[in-house]
Protein backbone atom coordinates (compact mmCIF):
# COMPACT_ATOMS: atom_id res chain seq x y z
CA MET A 1 -0.27 25.99 62.53
CA ASN A 2 2.62 25.77 64.96
CA GLN A 3 3.39 22.19 63.99
CA PRO A 4 6.90 21.55 62.68
CA VAL A 5 7.37 20.79 59.01
CA LYS A 6 8.60 17.23 58.50
CA ILE A 7 11.48 16.99 56.05
CA ASP A 8 13.15 13.70 55.21
CA LEU A 9 16.88 13.30 55.79
CA ASP A 10 17.90 13.56 52.13
CA LEU A 11 16.01 16.83 51.63
CA ARG A 12 17.32 18.19 54.91
CA GLU A 13 20.91 17.50 53.80
CA ARG A 14 20.30 19.12 50.41
CA LEU A 15 18.79 22.16 52.10
CA SER A 16 21.79 22.39 54.44
CA ARG A 17 24.21 22.27 51.48
CA ILE A 18 22.37 25.13 49.76
CA ALA A 19 22.34 27.16 52.96
CA ALA A 20 26.08 26.59 53.40
CA LEU A 21 26.77 27.66 49.81
CA ARG A 22 24.82 30.86 50.42
CA ASP A 23 26.33 31.35 53.86
CA ALA A 24 22.79 31.72 55.16
CA PRO A 25 20.76 30.02 57.88
CA VAL A 26 18.72 27.01 56.80
CA GLN A 27 15.60 28.79 58.05
CA ALA A 28 16.22 31.70 55.67
CA VAL A 29 16.61 29.38 52.68
CA LEU A 30 13.53 27.43 53.73
CA GLY A 31 11.53 30.65 54.18
CA GLU A 32 12.55 31.82 50.70
CA ALA A 33 11.57 28.49 49.17
CA ILE A 34 8.17 28.56 50.85
CA GLN A 35 7.58 32.14 49.72
CA GLN A 36 8.43 31.26 46.11
CA TYR A 37 6.15 28.20 46.24
CA VAL A 38 3.22 30.19 47.65
CA GLU A 39 3.65 32.97 45.07
CA ARG A 40 3.82 30.42 42.21
CA GLU A 41 0.71 28.59 43.43
CA GLU A 42 -1.19 31.87 43.88
CA ALA A 43 -0.29 32.86 40.32
CA ARG A 44 -1.38 29.43 39.03
CA GLU A 45 -4.73 29.65 40.82
CA SER A 46 -5.24 33.20 39.55
CA PHE A 47 -4.55 32.05 35.97
CA LYS A 48 -7.03 29.19 36.32
CA ALA A 49 -9.66 31.53 37.78
CA GLU A 50 -9.16 33.96 34.87
CA ALA A 51 -9.53 31.11 32.37
CA ARG A 52 -12.74 29.92 34.04
CA ALA A 53 -14.11 33.47 34.04
CA ALA A 54 -13.23 33.97 30.35
CA ARG A 55 -14.93 30.72 29.42
CA ALA A 56 -18.02 31.65 31.42
CA ALA A 57 -18.12 35.09 29.81
CA ASP A 58 -18.18 33.89 26.19
CA GLY A 59 -19.62 30.42 26.66
CA HIS A 60 -17.28 28.54 24.36
CA HIS A 61 -13.76 27.23 24.26
CA MET A 62 -11.17 25.17 22.36
CA THR A 63 -9.77 21.95 23.75
CA ALA A 64 -6.03 21.38 23.95
CA ASP A 65 -6.34 18.94 21.03
CA ASP A 66 -8.05 21.66 18.97
CA VAL A 67 -5.22 24.07 19.69
CA VAL A 68 -2.49 21.53 18.86
CA ALA A 69 -4.19 20.58 15.57
CA ARG A 70 -4.61 24.24 14.66
CA LEU A 71 -0.97 25.06 15.40
CA ARG A 72 0.29 22.05 13.45
CA GLY A 73 -1.66 23.28 10.42
CA TRP A 74 -0.01 26.69 10.37
CA GLY A 75 2.19 27.15 7.35
CA SER A 76 0.81 24.16 5.50
CA GLU A 77 -0.90 24.60 2.14
CA GLN A 78 -4.22 23.14 3.25
CA GLY A 79 -4.21 24.62 6.74
CA VAL A 80 -6.64 23.44 9.38
CA ALA A 81 -10.31 24.31 9.54
CA ARG A 82 -11.48 26.35 12.48
CA PRO A 83 -12.72 23.98 15.19
CA GLU A 84 -16.41 23.81 15.91
CA ARG A 85 -17.76 25.85 18.78
CA ARG A 86 -17.89 23.91 22.02
CA ASP A 87 -20.39 25.08 24.62
């Protein structure tokens, strides 16, 4: 894990500009960016794990198309029928 991170010239220049604006070392800005990325990806994986667990617990779900159709029917006179259970 002690291999250097390869960053193309354009990204390196952009990173340097941000560091200069913050009056901070490039390494500090890069460390902050990596920390934010890791935290975001951990949260995303946690959300997906919770969704999988919820689906496994009740055995059914709605597809994205079901949800969109249901939401589009809100407020209309005829509404939208509840989608069929999907196991």
